[in-house]
Amino acid sequence: MALATRQALAAELTTVTLKNCTLRRYGSANDGGYLMCENLTDNVGAAYSYGIDTEDNWGCDVSRQRRVVVHQYDCFTPHRPRCEGGRFDFHADCVGPRRETIEGKPFDTLSAQIAQNGDAGKPLLVKMDIEGAEWGSLAATSNEVLDRFVQLPMELHLRQADEAAILAGVRRLKQQFYLVNVHYNNWACDAAFAPLPAPAFQTLWVNKRVGVLDTAAPSPAPVSSLNAPDNPNKPECGR
């Protein structure tokens, strides 16, 4: 990723404070945990968890608290996570910019998957950790569908080949969402990506329809103590 692009991206990744957001950590204490505004989930009709591997502690927390089904998508694992007291609906396909099959694995768009589950038009929680595939998937999603996302906790991944698309993708998200939290993944700390401390980081995006910006608060927002190192045996990036 070129230095000028990284500098522009770092400027775009400036967090803000919301007047009406009570942060809570959902999911794992370390890798796999995401911050969300606990009090801005009341009217959610369903949740989507993209990128599962062998566990979905985020989805389990969400399903148990909000009493909604969590649609899980991952075409790379046969594992079916369980959640006592929650409801999971596992789909053995992945998300991408178009409907296609790659090396025998099925892909479809966010819009199509949401519609197939009867959730078009519902307020949604959407979590994504799909190793860089988020950029093409979001680029193929209309503003109308994105507007159904109440909160979007997501791990972003930087890829040199897509640097212009990544910067454009962040700028597009900021038109509809407030960036409330950024936490760099300390499994991936890399000085080569300066001024960014790592090429992978968790983010929280809150829809501007529900979040109320605190214009008197400093920006970037103070780092929340609810953030935790993905690898508990290593210091956070930059420390």
Protein backbone atom coordinates (compact mmCIF):
# COMPACT_ATOMS: atom_id res chain seq x y z
CA MET A 1 0.00 0.00 0.00
CA ALA A 2 1.52 3.33 -1.04
CA LEU A 3 2.45 5.76 1.73
CA ALA A 4 0.15 8.51 0.43
CA THR A 5 -2.80 6.11 0.42
CA ARG A 6 -2.00 4.89 3.93
CA GLN A 7 -1.81 8.48 5.15
CA ALA A 8 -5.16 9.29 3.57
CA LEU A 9 -6.68 6.14 5.03
CA ALA A 10 -5.32 6.93 8.49
CA ALA A 11 -6.99 10.34 8.31
CA GLU A 12 -10.31 8.75 7.30
CA LEU A 13 -10.11 6.28 10.19
CA THR A 14 -10.61 9.02 12.77
CA THR A 15 -13.24 7.94 15.30
CA VAL A 16 -16.08 10.03 16.69
CA THR A 17 -18.12 10.00 19.90
CA LEU A 18 -21.87 9.43 19.94
CA LYS A 19 -24.14 10.95 22.58
CA ASN A 20 -26.37 7.89 22.66
CA CYS A 21 -23.93 4.96 22.55
CA THR A 22 -23.23 2.69 25.52
CA LEU A 23 -20.40 0.46 24.40
CA ARG A 24 -20.34 -3.22 25.29
CA ARG A 25 -18.01 -5.99 24.16
CA TYR A 26 -19.72 -8.86 22.36
CA GLY A 27 -18.02 -12.19 21.78
CA SER A 28 -14.60 -13.33 22.93
CA ALA A 29 -12.47 -11.58 25.51
CA ASN A 30 -9.70 -11.37 22.91
CA ASP A 31 -9.65 -12.41 19.24
CA GLY A 32 -13.25 -12.61 18.02
CA GLY A 33 -14.64 -9.88 20.27
CA TYR A 34 -16.25 -6.71 18.90
CA LEU A 35 -17.51 -3.52 20.48
CA MET A 36 -21.07 -2.39 19.76
CA CYS A 37 -23.50 0.15 21.16
CA GLU A 38 -25.56 -2.07 23.44
CA ASN A 39 -28.46 0.36 23.66
CA LEU A 40 -28.82 0.72 19.88
CA THR A 41 -29.87 -2.86 19.17
CA ASP A 42 -33.45 -2.90 20.50
CA ASN A 43 -35.31 -2.94 17.18
CA VAL A 44 -33.03 -5.33 15.31
CA GLY A 45 -34.90 -7.99 13.34
CA ALA A 46 -32.00 -10.36 12.61
CA ALA A 47 -28.22 -10.60 12.68
CA TYR A 48 -25.63 -11.76 10.15
CA SER A 49 -22.22 -13.16 11.02
CA TYR A 50 -19.81 -13.44 8.09
CA GLY A 51 -16.63 -15.44 8.69
CA ILE A 52 -17.03 -18.13 11.35
CA ASP A 53 -14.13 -20.58 11.32
CA THR A 54 -14.81 -22.72 14.42
CA GLU A 55 -16.68 -20.33 16.72
CA ASP A 56 -19.14 -17.47 16.75
CA ASN A 57 -19.10 -16.03 20.24
CA TRP A 58 -20.22 -12.67 18.86
CA GLY A 59 -23.29 -14.27 17.31
CA CYS A 60 -24.06 -16.21 20.47
CA ASP A 61 -23.96 -13.05 22.60
CA VAL A 62 -26.16 -11.18 20.14
CA SER A 63 -28.71 -13.98 19.75
CA ARG A 64 -29.09 -14.52 23.49
CA GLN A 65 -29.37 -10.82 24.30
CA ARG A 66 -31.63 -9.73 21.45
CA ARG A 67 -33.53 -13.03 20.96
CA VAL A 68 -32.92 -12.98 17.21
CA VAL A 69 -31.65 -15.58 14.79
CA VAL A 70 -28.04 -15.14 13.66
CA HIS A 71 -27.41 -16.17 10.07
CA GLN A 72 -23.86 -17.47 9.81
CA TYR A 73 -21.98 -17.63 6.51
CA ASP A 74 -18.73 -19.50 5.87
CA CYS A 75 -17.95 -21.80 2.94
CA PHE A 76 -14.48 -22.71 4.22
CA THR A 77 -15.37 -24.71 7.33
CA PRO A 78 -17.62 -27.70 7.98
CA HIS A 79 -17.82 -26.71 11.66
CA ARG A 80 -21.24 -25.78 13.06
CA PRO A 81 -20.90 -23.64 16.19
CA ARG A 82 -23.43 -24.18 18.95
CA CYS A 83 -24.97 -21.59 21.27
CA GLU A 84 -26.94 -22.56 24.33
CA GLY A 85 -29.85 -20.17 24.64
CA GLY A 86 -29.32 -18.68 21.18
CA ARG A 87 -30.45 -19.42 17.62
CA PHE A 88 -28.01 -20.02 14.76
CA ASP A 89 -28.81 -20.62 11.10
CA PHE A 90 -25.61 -21.78 9.39
CA HIS A 91 -25.16 -21.30 5.64
CA ALA A 92 -22.27 -23.15 3.98
CA ASP A 93 -21.63 -20.39 1.45
CA CYS A 94 -19.64 -17.18 1.43
CA VAL A 95 -20.30 -13.57 0.56
CA GLY A 96 -18.80 -11.78 -2.41
CA PRO A 97 -19.46 -9.21 -5.13
CA ARG A 98 -21.51 -11.62 -7.29
CA ARG A 99 -23.15 -15.03 -7.39
CA GLU A 100 -20.52 -17.54 -8.49
CA THR A 101 -18.69 -20.73 -7.61
CA ILE A 102 -14.96 -20.57 -6.94
CA GLU A 103 -13.03 -23.84 -6.57
CA GLY A 104 -16.28 -25.60 -5.75
CA LYS A 105 -17.30 -23.06 -3.09
CA PRO A 106 -20.54 -21.06 -3.52
CA PHE A 107 -20.57 -17.27 -3.18
CA ASP A 108 -23.43 -14.78 -3.31
CA THR A 109 -24.03 -11.11 -2.54
CA LEU A 110 -25.07 -9.56 0.76
CA SER A 111 -28.27 -8.33 -0.85
CA ALA A 112 -29.23 -11.76 -2.17
CA GLN A 113 -28.47 -13.57 1.08
CA ILE A 114 -30.48 -11.10 3.13
CA ALA A 115 -33.42 -11.36 0.72
CA GLN A 116 -33.27 -15.18 0.69
CA ASN A 117 -33.74 -15.19 4.46
CA GLY A 118 -36.75 -12.87 4.27
CA ASP A 119 -34.88 -10.05 6.01
CA ALA A 120 -35.00 -7.35 3.31
CA GLY A 121 -36.29 -4.18 4.93
CA LYS A 122 -35.54 -5.28 8.50
CA PRO A 123 -33.08 -3.46 10.77
CA LEU A 124 -29.99 -5.69 10.92
CA LEU A 125 -26.77 -6.24 12.82
CA VAL A 126 -23.99 -7.38 10.49
CA LYS A 127 -20.56 -8.64 11.59
CA MET A 128 -17.84 -9.30 9.01
CA ASP A 129 -14.39 -10.87 9.31
CA ILE A 130 -13.70 -12.30 5.87
CA GLU A 131 -10.01 -11.68 5.28
CA GLY A 132 -10.21 -8.88 2.73
CA ALA A 133 -13.32 -10.03 0.86
CA GLU A 134 -15.28 -7.30 2.67
CA TRP A 135 -14.23 -4.66 0.14
CA GLY A 136 -15.73 -6.29 -2.94
CA SER A 137 -18.79 -7.46 -1.01
CA LEU A 138 -19.60 -3.98 0.29
CA ALA A 139 -18.84 -2.31 -3.04
CA ALA A 140 -21.50 -4.51 -4.66
CA THR A 141 -24.10 -3.61 -1.99
CA SER A 142 -26.49 -0.74 -2.67
CA ASN A 143 -26.85 2.21 -0.31
CA GLU A 144 -30.45 1.09 0.27
CA VAL A 145 -29.33 -2.29 1.61
CA LEU A 146 -26.49 -0.77 3.64
CA ASP A 147 -29.01 1.56 5.23
CA ARG A 148 -30.70 -1.48 6.85
CA PHE A 149 -27.50 -2.13 8.84
CA VAL A 150 -27.98 -0.56 12.27
CA GLN A 151 -24.43 -1.43 13.32
CA LEU A 152 -21.58 -2.98 11.38
CA PRO A 153 -18.75 -4.38 13.53
CA MET A 154 -16.13 -5.49 11.06
CA GLU A 155 -12.48 -6.43 10.80
CA LEU A 156 -10.88 -4.63 7.87
CA HIS A 157 -7.90 -6.00 5.98
CA LEU A 158 -5.54 -3.93 3.84
CA ARG A 159 -4.35 -5.37 0.54
CA GLN A 160 -1.86 -3.54 -1.65
CA ALA A 161 -3.56 -4.51 -4.90
CA ASP A 162 -6.81 -2.90 -3.80
CA GLU A 163 -5.51 0.28 -2.14
CA ALA A 164 -7.63 2.72 -4.17
CA ALA A 165 -10.76 0.60 -3.67
CA ILE A 166 -10.10 0.33 0.07
CA LEU A 167 -9.83 4.09 0.51
CA ALA A 168 -12.95 4.60 -1.59
CA GLY A 169 -14.77 1.95 0.43
CA VAL A 170 -14.02 3.65 3.75
CA ARG A 171 -15.07 7.02 2.39
CA ARG A 172 -18.32 5.54 1.13
CA LEU A 173 -19.10 3.93 4.49
CA LYS A 174 -18.57 7.28 6.20
CA GLN A 175 -21.39 8.77 4.16
CA GLN A 176 -23.92 6.53 5.93
CA PHE A 177 -22.16 5.49 9.13
CA TYR A 178 -20.25 6.98 12.04
CA LEU A 179 -16.92 5.31 12.79
CA VAL A 180 -17.07 4.80 16.54
CA ASN A 181 -14.22 2.40 17.30
CA VAL A 182 -10.95 1.25 15.74
CA HIS A 183 -8.74 -1.42 17.29
CA TYR A 184 -5.62 -2.80 15.58
CA ASN A 185 -5.07 -6.55 15.58
CA ASN A 186 -1.82 -7.30 17.40
CA TRP A 187 -1.38 -10.59 15.55
CA ALA A 188 -0.61 -8.38 12.53
CA CYS A 189 1.47 -5.45 13.86
CA ASP A 190 3.71 -4.29 11.01
CA ALA A 191 5.77 -1.09 10.82
CA ALA A 192 5.70 -1.37 7.02
CA PHE A 193 2.11 -0.09 7.10
CA ALA A 194 2.92 3.14 9.01
CA PRO A 195 1.24 5.43 9.90
CA LEU A 196 -1.18 2.53 10.45
CA PRO A 197 0.21 0.12 13.06
CA ALA A 198 -1.21 -3.01 11.39
CA PRO A 199 -2.96 -4.05 8.16
CA ALA A 200 -5.85 -5.67 10.07
CA PHE A 201 -8.12 -3.92 12.55
CA GLN A 202 -11.58 -4.16 14.07
CA THR A 203 -13.99 -1.31 13.49
CA LEU A 204 -17.48 -0.33 14.62
CA TRP A 205 -19.73 1.54 12.20
CA VAL A 206 -23.04 2.94 13.49
CA ASN A 207 -25.75 4.02 11.08
CA LYS A 208 -26.23 7.79 11.09
CA ARG A 209 -29.99 7.24 11.31
CA VAL A 210 -29.62 5.90 14.86
CA GLY A 211 -26.38 7.41 16.16
CA VAL A 212 -26.33 10.97 17.52
CA LEU A 213 -22.98 12.68 17.01
CA ASP A 214 -21.46 14.49 19.99
CA THR A 215 -19.99 17.50 18.22
CA ALA A 216 -18.46 18.80 21.46
CA ALA A 217 -16.42 15.63 22.06
CA PRO A 218 -12.83 15.32 20.86
CA SER A 219 -12.04 13.48 17.65
CA PRO A 220 -10.54 10.94 17.55
CA ALA A 221 -12.68 9.58 20.36
CA PRO A 222 -10.90 8.32 23.48
CA VAL A 223 -9.86 4.68 23.12
CA SER A 224 -12.32 2.44 24.94
CA SER A 225 -11.01 0.28 27.77
CA LEU A 226 -13.26 -2.48 26.39
CA ASN A 227 -10.79 -3.06 23.56
CA ALA A 228 -8.44 -5.96 24.26
CA PRO A 229 -5.43 -7.48 22.47
CA ASP A 230 -6.38 -10.18 19.98
CA ASN A 231 -3.33 -12.08 21.14
CA PRO A 232 -3.35 -11.78 24.95
CA ASN A 233 0.31 -12.80 25.11
CA LYS A 234 1.58 -9.86 23.10
CA PRO A 235 1.38 -6.08 23.66
CA GLU A 236 -0.96 -3.99 21.57
CA CYS A 237 0.46 -2.61 18.34
CA GLY A 238 2.67 0.40 18.98
CA ARG A 239 3.29 -0.39 22.62
